[in-house]
Amino acid sequence: MGLFASLGQKGHTIIYDELIHASVHDGMKMSQASTFLFKHNDLVHLEERLKQATGVIYVAVESIYSMDGDDAPLVDIVSLCKKYNANLIVDEAHATGITQLGNGSCKNYP
């Protein structure tokens, strides 16, 4: 909560996954930044929001979403953030840093 309250200054933009933790919502309410949600894990919608963003841009996601247990497509989100010069904030509250895929291999997030 404190991170988003202090980072979000006037003229900045915070774009967040619609399933982000409630504490992030609380922090954004205390900030002066413009805020936009994007549909859960929807990269097309995220890119639309990034095109609309102004100032310093922050994208907020969770690596593992606690309600459904699904993971964010972090590699693709990082690519979009680089393309639009956005800062990525990943909530790791429910993550271990390494996720086992259905085929037995592991995905290690940088």
PDB file of N, CA and C in Angstrom:
ATOM      1  N   MET A   1       0.825  -1.176   0.000  1.00  0.00           N
ATOM      2  CA  MET A   1       0.000   0.000   0.000  1.00  0.00           C
ATOM      3  C   MET A   1       0.880   1.254   0.000  1.00  0.00           C
ATOM      4  N   GLY A   2       1.878   1.275   0.858  1.00  0.00           N
ATOM      5  CA  GLY A   2       2.746   2.437   0.969  1.00  0.00           C
ATOM      6  C   GLY A   2       3.528   2.717  -0.298  1.00  0.00           C
ATOM      7  N   LEU A   3       3.940   1.665  -0.994  1.00  0.00           N
ATOM      8  CA  LEU A   3       4.698   1.839  -2.236  1.00  0.00           C
ATOM      9  C   LEU A   3       3.881   2.614  -3.260  1.00  0.00           C
ATOM     10  N   PHE A   4       2.651   2.210  -3.469  1.00  0.00           N
ATOM     11  CA  PHE A   4       1.814   2.855  -4.482  1.00  0.00           C
ATOM     12  C   PHE A   4       1.376   4.248  -4.053  1.00  0.00           C
ATOM     13  N   ALA A   5       1.154   4.441  -2.767  1.00  0.00           N
ATOM     14  CA  ALA A   5       0.783   5.763  -2.274  1.00  0.00           C
ATOM     15  C   ALA A   5       1.912   6.766  -2.498  1.00  0.00           C
ATOM     16  N   SER A   6       3.156   6.318  -2.343  1.00  0.00           N
ATOM     17  CA  SER A   6       4.285   7.244  -2.467  1.00  0.00           C
ATOM     18  C   SER A   6       4.810   7.375  -3.896  1.00  0.00           C
ATOM     19  N   LEU A   7       4.743   6.324  -4.699  1.00  0.00           N
ATOM     20  CA  LEU A   7       5.248   6.392  -6.071  1.00  0.00           C
ATOM     21  C   LEU A   7       4.338   7.185  -6.999  1.00  0.00           C
ATOM     22  N   GLY A   8       3.057   7.056  -6.821  1.00  0.00           N
ATOM     23  CA  GLY A   8       2.101   7.657  -7.744  1.00  0.00           C
ATOM     24  C   GLY A   8       1.958   9.156  -7.573  1.00  0.00           C
ATOM     25  N   GLN A   9       2.734   9.905  -8.303  1.00  0.00           N
ATOM     26  CA  GLN A   9       2.694  11.362  -8.228  1.00  0.00           C
ATOM     27  C   GLN A   9       1.795  11.934  -9.326  1.00  0.00           C
ATOM     28  N   LYS A  10       1.441  13.196  -9.187  1.00  0.00           N
ATOM     29  CA  LYS A  10       0.612  13.871 -10.184  1.00  0.00           C
ATOM     30  C   LYS A  10       1.310  13.804 -11.541  1.00  0.00           C
ATOM     31  N   GLY A  11       0.555  13.417 -12.571  1.00  0.00           N
ATOM     32  CA  GLY A  11       1.108  13.277 -13.915  1.00  0.00           C
ATOM     33  C   GLY A  11       1.615  11.882 -14.231  1.00  0.00           C
ATOM     34  N   HIS A  12       1.720  11.020 -13.215  1.00  0.00           N
ATOM     35  CA  HIS A  12       2.138   9.635 -13.420  1.00  0.00           C
ATOM     36  C   HIS A  12       0.926   8.766 -13.734  1.00  0.00           C
ATOM     37  N   THR A  13       1.193   7.570 -14.237  1.00  0.00           N
ATOM     38  CA  THR A  13       0.130   6.613 -14.538  1.00  0.00           C
ATOM     39  C   THR A  13       0.450   5.262 -13.916  1.00  0.00           C
ATOM     40  N   ILE A  14      -0.535   4.678 -13.254  1.00  0.00           N
ATOM     41  CA  ILE A  14      -0.422   3.306 -12.746  1.00  0.00           C
ATOM     42  C   ILE A  14      -1.447   2.465 -13.496  1.00  0.00           C
ATOM     43  N   ILE A  15      -0.968   1.406 -14.133  1.00  0.00           N
ATOM     44  CA  ILE A  15      -1.831   0.468 -14.852  1.00  0.00           C
ATOM     45  C   ILE A  15      -1.746  -0.857 -14.092  1.00  0.00           C
ATOM     46  N   TYR A  16      -2.897  -1.412 -13.736  1.00  0.00           N
ATOM     47  CA  TYR A  16      -2.879  -2.590 -12.868  1.00  0.00           C
ATOM     48  C   TYR A  16      -3.827  -3.666 -13.380  1.00  0.00           C
ATOM     49  N   ASP A  17      -3.436  -4.908 -13.127  1.00  0.00           N
ATOM     50  CA  ASP A  17      -4.291  -6.053 -13.441  1.00  0.00           C
ATOM     51  C   ASP A  17      -5.535  -5.971 -12.567  1.00  0.00           C
ATOM     52  N   GLU A  18      -6.683  -6.264 -13.145  1.00  0.00           N
ATOM     53  CA  GLU A  18      -7.938  -6.132 -12.403  1.00  0.00           C
ATOM     54  C   GLU A  18      -8.020  -7.044 -11.174  1.00  0.00           C
ATOM     55  N   LEU A  19      -7.189  -8.065 -11.081  1.00  0.00           N
ATOM     56  CA  LEU A  19      -7.228  -8.967  -9.928  1.00  0.00           C
ATOM     57  C   LEU A  19      -6.119  -8.699  -8.909  1.00  0.00           C
ATOM     58  N   ILE A  20      -5.497  -7.530  -8.996  1.00  0.00           N
ATOM     59  CA  ILE A  20      -4.418  -7.187  -8.060  1.00  0.00           C
ATOM     60  C   ILE A  20      -4.988  -7.081  -6.641  1.00  0.00           C
ATOM     61  N   HIS A  21      -4.131  -7.287  -5.651  1.00  0.00           N
ATOM     62  CA  HIS A  21      -4.528  -7.240  -4.241  1.00  0.00           C
ATOM     63  C   HIS A  21      -5.230  -5.940  -3.857  1.00  0.00           C
ATOM     64  N   ALA A  22      -6.122  -6.040  -2.911  1.00  0.00           N
ATOM     65  CA  ALA A  22      -6.864  -4.876  -2.413  1.00  0.00           C
ATOM     66  C   ALA A  22      -5.936  -3.822  -1.827  1.00  0.00           C
ATOM     67  N   SER A  23      -4.822  -4.244  -1.228  1.00  0.00           N
ATOM     68  CA  SER A  23      -3.903  -3.266  -0.636  1.00  0.00           C
ATOM     69  C   SER A  23      -3.289  -2.358  -1.699  1.00  0.00           C
ATOM     70  N   VAL A  24      -3.112  -2.874  -2.920  1.00  0.00           N
ATOM     71  CA  VAL A  24      -2.615  -2.043  -4.016  1.00  0.00           C
ATOM     72  C   VAL A  24      -3.664  -0.989  -4.367  1.00  0.00           C
ATOM     73  N   HIS A  25      -4.922  -1.392  -4.392  1.00  0.00           N
ATOM     74  CA  HIS A  25      -6.016  -0.436  -4.641  1.00  0.00           C
ATOM     75  C   HIS A  25      -5.999   0.677  -3.583  1.00  0.00           C
ATOM     76  N   ASP A  26      -5.810   0.286  -2.326  1.00  0.00           N
ATOM     77  CA  ASP A  26      -5.772   1.274  -1.246  1.00  0.00           C
ATOM     78  C   ASP A  26      -4.631   2.264  -1.455  1.00  0.00           C
ATOM     79  N   GLY A  27      -3.470   1.764  -1.836  1.00  0.00           N
ATOM     80  CA  GLY A  27      -2.329   2.637  -2.093  1.00  0.00           C
ATOM     81  C   GLY A  27      -2.563   3.568  -3.262  1.00  0.00           C
ATOM     82  N   MET A  28      -3.169   3.059  -4.326  1.00  0.00           N
ATOM     83  CA  MET A  28      -3.438   3.891  -5.500  1.00  0.00           C
ATOM     84  C   MET A  28      -4.426   4.999  -5.164  1.00  0.00           C
ATOM     85  N   LYS A  29      -5.396   4.717  -4.288  1.00  0.00           N
ATOM     86  CA  LYS A  29      -6.363   5.742  -3.881  1.00  0.00           C
ATOM     87  C   LYS A  29      -5.675   6.899  -3.159  1.00  0.00           C
ATOM     88  N   MET A  30      -4.594   6.605  -2.468  1.00  0.00           N
ATOM     89  CA  MET A  30      -3.866   7.645  -1.739  1.00  0.00           C
ATOM     90  C   MET A  30      -2.866   8.382  -2.627  1.00  0.00           C
ATOM     91  N   SER A  31      -2.605   7.846  -3.798  1.00  0.00           N
ATOM     92  CA  SER A  31      -1.643   8.485  -4.700  1.00  0.00           C
ATOM     93  C   SER A  31      -2.314   9.592  -5.494  1.00  0.00           C
ATOM     94  N   GLN A  32      -1.510  10.344  -6.211  1.00  0.00           N
ATOM     95  CA  GLN A  32      -2.020  11.394  -7.078  1.00  0.00           C
ATOM     96  C   GLN A  32      -1.961  10.971  -8.546  1.00  0.00           C
ATOM     97  N   ALA A  33      -1.584   9.738  -8.810  1.00  0.00           N
ATOM     98  CA  ALA A  33      -1.431   9.249 -10.179  1.00  0.00           C
ATOM     99  C   ALA A  33      -2.781   8.923 -10.808  1.00  0.00           C
ATOM    100  N   SER A  34      -2.813   8.952 -12.132  1.00  0.00           N
ATOM    101  CA  SER A  34      -3.964   8.421 -12.862  1.00  0.00           C
ATOM    102  C   SER A  34      -3.850   6.903 -12.823  1.00  0.00           C
ATOM    103  N   THR A  35      -4.980   6.225 -12.683  1.00  0.00           N
ATOM    104  CA  THR A  35      -4.948   4.759 -12.611  1.00  0.00           C
ATOM    105  C   THR A  35      -5.887   4.154 -13.652  1.00  0.00           C
ATOM    106  N   PHE A  36      -5.438   3.063 -14.237  1.00  0.00           N
ATOM    107  CA  PHE A  36      -6.226   2.331 -15.231  1.00  0.00           C
ATOM    108  C   PHE A  36      -6.067   0.846 -14.976  1.00  0.00           C
ATOM    109  N   LEU A  37      -7.166   0.124 -14.963  1.00  0.00           N
ATOM    110  CA  LEU A  37      -7.062  -1.328 -14.869  1.00  0.00           C
ATOM    111  C   LEU A  37      -6.990  -1.922 -16.267  1.00  0.00           C
ATOM    112  N   PHE A  38      -6.421  -3.119 -16.351  1.00  0.00           N
ATOM    113  CA  PHE A  38      -6.513  -3.888 -17.586  1.00  0.00           C
ATOM    114  C   PHE A  38      -7.059  -5.259 -17.227  1.00  0.00           C
ATOM    115  N   LYS A  39      -7.752  -5.849 -18.183  1.00  0.00           N
ATOM    116  CA  LYS A  39      -8.371  -7.155 -17.958  1.00  0.00           C
ATOM    117  C   LYS A  39      -7.302  -8.173 -17.566  1.00  0.00           C
ATOM    118  N   HIS A  40      -7.683  -9.054 -16.669  1.00  0.00           N
ATOM    119  CA  HIS A  40      -6.744 -10.020 -16.095  1.00  0.00           C
ATOM    120  C   HIS A  40      -5.940 -10.750 -17.163  1.00  0.00           C
ATOM    121  N   ASN A  41      -4.627 -10.573 -17.090  1.00  0.00           N
ATOM    122  CA  ASN A  41      -3.663 -11.240 -17.981  1.00  0.00           C
ATOM    123  C   ASN A  41      -3.907 -10.973 -19.466  1.00  0.00           C
ATOM    124  N   ASP A  42      -4.596  -9.917 -19.795  1.00  0.00           N
ATOM    125  CA  ASP A  42      -4.925  -9.594 -21.185  1.00  0.00           C
ATOM    126  C   ASP A  42      -3.874  -8.625 -21.745  1.00  0.00           C
ATOM    127  N   LEU A  43      -2.938  -9.158 -22.514  1.00  0.00           N
ATOM    128  CA  LEU A  43      -1.826  -8.366 -23.026  1.00  0.00           C
ATOM    129  C   LEU A  43      -2.267  -7.317 -24.042  1.00  0.00           C
ATOM    130  N   VAL A  44      -3.291  -7.615 -24.814  1.00  0.00           N
ATOM    131  CA  VAL A  44      -3.800  -6.641 -25.789  1.00  0.00           C
ATOM    132  C   VAL A  44      -4.382  -5.439 -25.050  1.00  0.00           C
ATOM    133  N   HIS A  45      -5.169  -5.705 -24.007  1.00  0.00           N
ATOM    134  CA  HIS A  45      -5.754  -4.622 -23.226  1.00  0.00           C
ATOM    135  C   HIS A  45      -4.666  -3.839 -22.496  1.00  0.00           C
ATOM    136  N   LEU A  46      -3.660  -4.531 -21.976  1.00  0.00           N
ATOM    137  CA  LEU A  46      -2.549  -3.847 -21.320  1.00  0.00           C
ATOM    138  C   LEU A  46      -1.861  -2.899 -22.297  1.00  0.00           C
ATOM    139  N   GLU A  47      -1.622  -3.354 -23.519  1.00  0.00           N
ATOM    140  CA  GLU A  47      -0.948  -2.494 -24.489  1.00  0.00           C
ATOM    141  C   GLU A  47      -1.811  -1.276 -24.838  1.00  0.00           C
ATOM    142  N   GLU A  48      -3.118  -1.468 -24.928  1.00  0.00           N
ATOM    143  CA  GLU A  48      -4.012  -0.323 -25.170  1.00  0.00           C
ATOM    144  C   GLU A  48      -3.856   0.715 -24.059  1.00  0.00           C
ATOM    145  N   ARG A  49      -3.796   0.249 -22.825  1.00  0.00           N
ATOM    146  CA  ARG A  49      -3.637   1.155 -21.680  1.00  0.00           C
ATOM    147  C   ARG A  49      -2.271   1.846 -21.712  1.00  0.00           C
ATOM    148  N   LEU A  50      -1.228   1.102 -22.076  1.00  0.00           N
ATOM    149  CA  LEU A  50       0.107   1.686 -22.153  1.00  0.00           C
ATOM    150  C   LEU A  50       0.167   2.805 -23.194  1.00  0.00           C
ATOM    151  N   LYS A  51      -0.565   2.651 -24.275  1.00  0.00           N
ATOM    152  CA  LYS A  51      -0.602   3.685 -25.312  1.00  0.00           C
ATOM    153  C   LYS A  51      -1.263   4.958 -24.797  1.00  0.00           C
ATOM    154  N   GLN A  52      -2.157   4.837 -23.823  1.00  0.00           N
ATOM    155  CA  GLN A  52      -2.878   5.986 -23.258  1.00  0.00           C
ATOM    156  C   GLN A  52      -2.129   6.653 -22.107  1.00  0.00           C
ATOM    157  N   ALA A  53      -1.140   5.972 -21.567  1.00  0.00           N
ATOM    158  CA  ALA A  53      -0.473   6.419 -20.348  1.00  0.00           C
ATOM    159  C   ALA A  53       0.385   7.660 -20.592  1.00  0.00           C
ATOM    160  N   THR A  54       0.527   8.465 -19.529  1.00  0.00           N
ATOM    161  CA  THR A  54       1.354   9.662 -19.593  1.00  0.00           C
ATOM    162  C   THR A  54       2.298   9.694 -18.400  1.00  0.00           C
ATOM    163  N   GLY A  55       3.339  10.487 -18.524  1.00  0.00           N
ATOM    164  CA  GLY A  55       4.285  10.651 -17.425  1.00  0.00           C
ATOM    165  C   GLY A  55       5.040   9.376 -17.125  1.00  0.00           C
ATOM    166  N   VAL A  56       5.462   9.255 -15.884  1.00  0.00           N
ATOM    167  CA  VAL A  56       6.111   8.027 -15.434  1.00  0.00           C
ATOM    168  C   VAL A  56       5.039   6.957 -15.361  1.00  0.00           C
ATOM    169  N   ILE A  57       5.317   5.787 -15.948  1.00  0.00           N
ATOM    170  CA  ILE A  57       4.313   4.721 -16.037  1.00  0.00           C
ATOM    171  C   ILE A  57       4.739   3.546 -15.165  1.00  0.00           C
ATOM    172  N   TYR A  58       3.789   3.053 -14.379  1.00  0.00           N
ATOM    173  CA  TYR A  58       3.989   1.852 -13.569  1.00  0.00           C
ATOM    174  C   TYR A  58       2.941   0.821 -13.975  1.00  0.00           C
ATOM    175  N   VAL A  59       3.375  -0.422 -14.150  1.00  0.00           N
ATOM    176  CA  VAL A  59       2.466  -1.531 -14.406  1.00  0.00           C
ATOM    177  C   VAL A  59       2.544  -2.454 -13.193  1.00  0.00           C
ATOM    178  N   ALA A  60       1.396  -2.761 -12.600  1.00  0.00           N
ATOM    179  CA  ALA A  60       1.355  -3.580 -11.389  1.00  0.00           C
ATOM    180  C   ALA A  60       0.629  -4.894 -11.659  1.00  0.00           C
ATOM    181  N   VAL A  61       1.323  -5.999 -11.370  1.00  0.00           N
ATOM    182  CA  VAL A  61       0.759  -7.336 -11.532  1.00  0.00           C
ATOM    183  C   VAL A  61       1.203  -8.198 -10.356  1.00  0.00           C
ATOM    184  N   GLU A  62       0.604  -9.352 -10.238  1.00  0.00           N
ATOM    185  CA  GLU A  62       1.072 -10.362  -9.292  1.00  0.00           C
ATOM    186  C   GLU A  62       1.715 -11.473 -10.107  1.00  0.00           C
ATOM    187  N   SER A  63       2.737 -12.101  -9.598  1.00  0.00           N
ATOM    188  CA  SER A  63       3.329 -13.223 -10.333  1.00  0.00           C
ATOM    189  C   SER A  63       2.399 -14.435 -10.275  1.00  0.00           C
ATOM    190  N   ILE A  64       1.826 -14.685  -9.101  1.00  0.00           N
ATOM    191  CA  ILE A  64       0.836 -15.750  -8.912  1.00  0.00           C
ATOM    192  C   ILE A  64      -0.378 -15.113  -8.245  1.00  0.00           C
ATOM    193  N   TYR A  65      -1.547 -15.282  -8.858  1.00  0.00           N
ATOM    194  CA  TYR A  65      -2.773 -14.687  -8.323  1.00  0.00           C
ATOM    195  C   TYR A  65      -3.407 -15.648  -7.328  1.00  0.00           C
ATOM    196  N   SER A  66      -3.608 -15.162  -6.118  1.00  0.00           N
ATOM    197  CA  SER A  66      -4.035 -16.020  -5.016  1.00  0.00           C
ATOM    198  C   SER A  66      -5.427 -16.594  -5.189  1.00  0.00           C
ATOM    199  N   MET A  67      -6.329 -15.879  -5.806  1.00  0.00           N
ATOM    200  CA  MET A  67      -7.709 -16.355  -5.907  1.00  0.00           C
ATOM    201  C   MET A  67      -7.845 -17.529  -6.877  1.00  0.00           C
ATOM    202  N   ASP A  68      -7.136 -17.466  -7.998  1.00  0.00           N
ATOM    203  CA  ASP A  68      -7.255 -18.518  -9.017  1.00  0.00           C
ATOM    204  C   ASP A  68      -6.021 -19.400  -9.111  1.00  0.00           C
ATOM    205  N   GLY A  69      -4.897 -18.941  -8.589  1.00  0.00           N
ATOM    206  CA  GLY A  69      -3.662 -19.710  -8.661  1.00  0.00           C
ATOM    207  C   GLY A  69      -2.980 -19.633 -10.020  1.00  0.00           C
ATOM    208  N   ASP A  70      -3.471 -18.767 -10.907  1.00  0.00           N
ATOM    209  CA  ASP A  70      -2.817 -18.657 -12.216  1.00  0.00           C
ATOM    210  C   ASP A  70      -1.679 -17.652 -12.137  1.00  0.00           C
ATOM    211  N   ASP A  71      -0.819 -17.687 -13.148  1.00  0.00           N
ATOM    212  CA  ASP A  71       0.336 -16.803 -13.143  1.00  0.00           C
ATOM    213  C   ASP A  71       0.252 -15.776 -14.259  1.00  0.00           C
ATOM    214  N   ALA A  72       0.938 -14.673 -14.046  1.00  0.00           N
ATOM    215  CA  ALA A  72       0.986 -13.611 -15.045  1.00  0.00           C
ATOM    216  C   ALA A  72       1.973 -14.002 -16.149  1.00  0.00           C
ATOM    217  N   PRO A  73       1.706 -13.605 -17.388  1.00  0.00           N
ATOM    218  CA  PRO A  73       2.654 -13.842 -18.484  1.00  0.00           C
ATOM    219  C   PRO A  73       3.796 -12.821 -18.400  1.00  0.00           C
ATOM    220  N   LEU A  74       4.652 -13.002 -17.404  1.00  0.00           N
ATOM    221  CA  LEU A  74       5.649 -11.991 -17.071  1.00  0.00           C
ATOM    222  C   LEU A  74       6.619 -11.684 -18.205  1.00  0.00           C
ATOM    223  N   VAL A  75       7.048 -12.679 -18.942  1.00  0.00           N
ATOM    224  CA  VAL A  75       7.992 -12.443 -20.038  1.00  0.00           C
ATOM    225  C   VAL A  75       7.382 -11.477 -21.051  1.00  0.00           C
ATOM    226  N   ASP A  76       6.116 -11.689 -21.389  1.00  0.00           N
ATOM    227  CA  ASP A  76       5.432 -10.814 -22.342  1.00  0.00           C
ATOM    228  C   ASP A  76       5.161  -9.430 -21.748  1.00  0.00           C
ATOM    229  N   ILE A  77       4.830  -9.392 -20.470  1.00  0.00           N
ATOM    230  CA  ILE A  77       4.585  -8.108 -19.809  1.00  0.00           C
ATOM    231  C   ILE A  77       5.884  -7.293 -19.749  1.00  0.00           C
ATOM    232  N   VAL A  78       6.999  -7.948 -19.459  1.00  0.00           N
ATOM    233  CA  VAL A  78       8.292  -7.255 -19.452  1.00  0.00           C
ATOM    234  C   VAL A  78       8.575  -6.659 -20.825  1.00  0.00           C
ATOM    235  N   SER A  79       8.296  -7.412 -21.883  1.00  0.00           N
ATOM    236  CA  SER A  79       8.517  -6.908 -23.246  1.00  0.00           C
ATOM    237  C   SER A  79       7.684  -5.656 -23.517  1.00  0.00           C
ATOM    238  N   LEU A  80       6.419  -5.677 -23.117  1.00  0.00           N
ATOM    239  CA  LEU A  80       5.561  -4.501 -23.304  1.00  0.00           C
ATOM    240  C   LEU A  80       6.070  -3.317 -22.481  1.00  0.00           C
ATOM    241  N   CYS A  81       6.498  -3.572 -21.269  1.00  0.00           N
ATOM    242  CA  CYS A  81       7.007  -2.490 -20.425  1.00  0.00           C
ATOM    243  C   CYS A  81       8.253  -1.862 -21.045  1.00  0.00           C
ATOM    244  N   LYS A  82       9.117  -2.678 -21.600  1.00  0.00           N
ATOM    245  CA  LYS A  82      10.301  -2.139 -22.269  1.00  0.00           C
ATOM    246  C   LYS A  82       9.898  -1.306 -23.480  1.00  0.00           C
ATOM    247  N   LYS A  83       8.955  -1.808 -24.257  1.00  0.00           N
ATOM    248  CA  LYS A  83       8.493  -1.109 -25.468  1.00  0.00           C
ATOM    249  C   LYS A  83       7.954   0.273 -25.138  1.00  0.00           C
ATOM    250  N   TYR A  84       7.250   0.419 -24.022  1.00  0.00           N
ATOM    251  CA  TYR A  84       6.604   1.680 -23.656  1.00  0.00           C
ATOM    252  C   TYR A  84       7.318   2.407 -22.514  1.00  0.00           C
ATOM    253  N   ASN A  85       8.533   1.949 -22.201  1.00  0.00           N
ATOM    254  CA  ASN A  85       9.340   2.586 -21.158  1.00  0.00           C
ATOM    255  C   ASN A  85       8.581   2.682 -19.835  1.00  0.00           C
ATOM    256  N   ALA A  86       7.925   1.600 -19.474  1.00  0.00           N
ATOM    257  CA  ALA A  86       7.146   1.536 -18.233  1.00  0.00           C
ATOM    258  C   ALA A  86       7.906   0.751 -17.172  1.00  0.00           C
ATOM    259  N   ASN A  87       7.668   1.088 -15.939  1.00  0.00           N
ATOM    260  CA  ASN A  87       8.255   0.380 -14.798  1.00  0.00           C
ATOM    261  C   ASN A  87       7.306  -0.735 -14.375  1.00  0.00           C
ATOM    262  N   LEU A  88       7.836  -1.919 -14.174  1.00  0.00           N
ATOM    263  CA  LEU A  88       7.014  -3.067 -13.778  1.00  0.00           C
ATOM    264  C   LEU A  88       7.182  -3.345 -12.291  1.00  0.00           C
ATOM    265  N   ILE A  89       6.062  -3.463 -11.596  1.00  0.00           N
ATOM    266  CA  ILE A  89       6.046  -3.835 -10.186  1.00  0.00           C
ATOM    267  C   ILE A  89       5.321  -5.170 -10.087  1.00  0.00           C
ATOM    268  N   VAL A  90       6.029  -6.186  -9.577  1.00  0.00           N
ATOM    269  CA  VAL A  90       5.464  -7.530  -9.472  1.00  0.00           C
ATOM    270  C   VAL A  90       5.285  -7.874  -7.996  1.00  0.00           C
ATOM    271  N   ASP A  91       4.051  -8.101  -7.607  1.00  0.00           N
ATOM    272  CA  ASP A  91       3.729  -8.540  -6.253  1.00  0.00           C
ATOM    273  C   ASP A  91       4.039 -10.031  -6.170  1.00  0.00           C
ATOM    274  N   GLU A  92       4.944 -10.378  -5.274  1.00  0.00           N
ATOM    275  CA  GLU A  92       5.387 -11.761  -5.135  1.00  0.00           C
ATOM    276  C   GLU A  92       4.828 -12.446  -3.883  1.00  0.00           C
ATOM    277  N   ALA A  93       3.731 -11.938  -3.350  1.00  0.00           N
ATOM    278  CA  ALA A  93       3.200 -12.453  -2.084  1.00  0.00           C
ATOM    279  C   ALA A  93       2.883 -13.949  -2.126  1.00  0.00           C
ATOM    280  N   HIS A  94       2.499 -14.462  -3.284  1.00  0.00           N
ATOM    281  CA  HIS A  94       2.097 -15.871  -3.366  1.00  0.00           C
ATOM    282  C   HIS A  94       3.033 -16.693  -4.230  1.00  0.00           C
ATOM    283  N   ALA A  95       4.215 -16.184  -4.493  1.00  0.00           N
ATOM    284  CA  ALA A  95       5.122 -16.838  -5.437  1.00  0.00           C
ATOM    285  C   ALA A  95       6.318 -17.455  -4.747  1.00  0.00           C
ATOM    286  N   THR A  96       6.944 -18.340  -5.470  1.00  0.00           N
ATOM    287  CA  THR A  96       8.193 -18.932  -5.012  1.00  0.00           C
ATOM    288  C   THR A  96       9.351 -18.511  -5.908  1.00  0.00           C
ATOM    289  N   GLY A  97       9.074 -17.819  -6.998  1.00  0.00           N
ATOM    290  CA  GLY A  97      10.112 -17.382  -7.928  1.00  0.00           C
ATOM    291  C   GLY A  97      10.315 -18.343  -9.077  1.00  0.00           C
ATOM    292  N   ILE A  98       9.975 -19.603  -8.873  1.00  0.00           N
ATOM    293  CA  ILE A  98      10.091 -20.619  -9.924  1.00  0.00           C
ATOM    294  C   ILE A  98       8.764 -21.355  -9.996  1.00  0.00           C
ATOM    295  N   THR A  99       8.224 -21.494 -11.197  1.00  0.00           N
ATOM    296  CA  THR A  99       6.935 -22.154 -11.383  1.00  0.00           C
ATOM    297  C   THR A  99       7.132 -23.411 -12.218  1.00  0.00           C
ATOM    298  N   GLN A 100       6.612 -24.535 -11.760  1.00  0.00           N
ATOM    299  CA  GLN A 100       6.700 -25.753 -12.538  1.00  0.00           C
ATOM    300  C   GLN A 100       5.585 -25.766 -13.577  1.00  0.00           C
ATOM    301  N   LEU A 101       5.957 -26.009 -14.817  1.00  0.00           N
ATOM    302  CA  LEU A 101       4.988 -26.064 -15.902  1.00  0.00           C
ATOM    303  C   LEU A 101       4.405 -27.457 -16.026  1.00  0.00           C
ATOM    304  N   GLY A 102       3.312 -27.581 -16.736  1.00  0.00           N
ATOM    305  CA  GLY A 102       2.647 -28.867 -16.899  1.00  0.00           C
ATOM    306  C   GLY A 102       3.511 -29.941 -17.542  1.00  0.00           C
ATOM    307  N   ASN A 103       4.524 -29.554 -18.312  1.00  0.00           N
ATOM    308  CA  ASN A 103       5.376 -30.529 -18.987  1.00  0.00           C
ATOM    309  C   ASN A 103       6.559 -30.956 -18.131  1.00  0.00           C
ATOM    310  N   GLY A 104       6.624 -30.521 -16.880  1.00  0.00           N
ATOM    311  CA  GLY A 104       7.692 -30.924 -15.977  1.00  0.00           C
ATOM    312  C   GLY A 104       8.867 -29.957 -15.976  1.00  0.00           C
ATOM    313  N   SER A 105       8.931 -29.048 -16.919  1.00  0.00           N
ATOM    314  CA  SER A 105      10.036 -28.089 -16.931  1.00  0.00           C
ATOM    315  C   SER A 105       9.691 -26.941 -15.987  1.00  0.00           C
ATOM    316  N   CYS A 106      10.647 -26.102 -15.738  1.00  0.00           N
ATOM    317  CA  CYS A 106      10.440 -24.966 -14.837  1.00  0.00           C
ATOM    318  C   CYS A 106      10.642 -23.662 -15.584  1.00  0.00           C
ATOM    319  N   LYS A 107       9.921 -22.667 -15.139  1.00  0.00           N
ATOM    320  CA  LYS A 107      10.049 -21.328 -15.678  1.00  0.00           C
ATOM    321  C   LYS A 107      10.634 -20.466 -14.562  1.00  0.00           C
ATOM    322  N   ASN A 108      11.810 -19.914 -14.787  1.00  0.00           N
ATOM    323  CA  ASN A 108      12.462 -19.068 -13.809  1.00  0.00           C
ATOM    324  C   ASN A 108      12.301 -17.627 -14.259  1.00  0.00           C
ATOM    325  N   TYR A 109      11.654 -16.801 -13.465  1.00  0.00           N
ATOM    326  CA  TYR A 109      11.439 -15.409 -13.825  1.00  0.00           C
ATOM    327  C   TYR A 109      12.642 -14.589 -13.427  1.00  0.00           C
ATOM    328  N   PRO A 110      13.190 -13.804 -14.363  1.00  0.00           N
ATOM    329  CA  PRO A 110      14.366 -12.966 -14.039  1.00  0.00           C
ATOM    330  C   PRO A 110      13.983 -11.852 -13.092  1.00  0.00           C
TER     331      PRO A 110
END
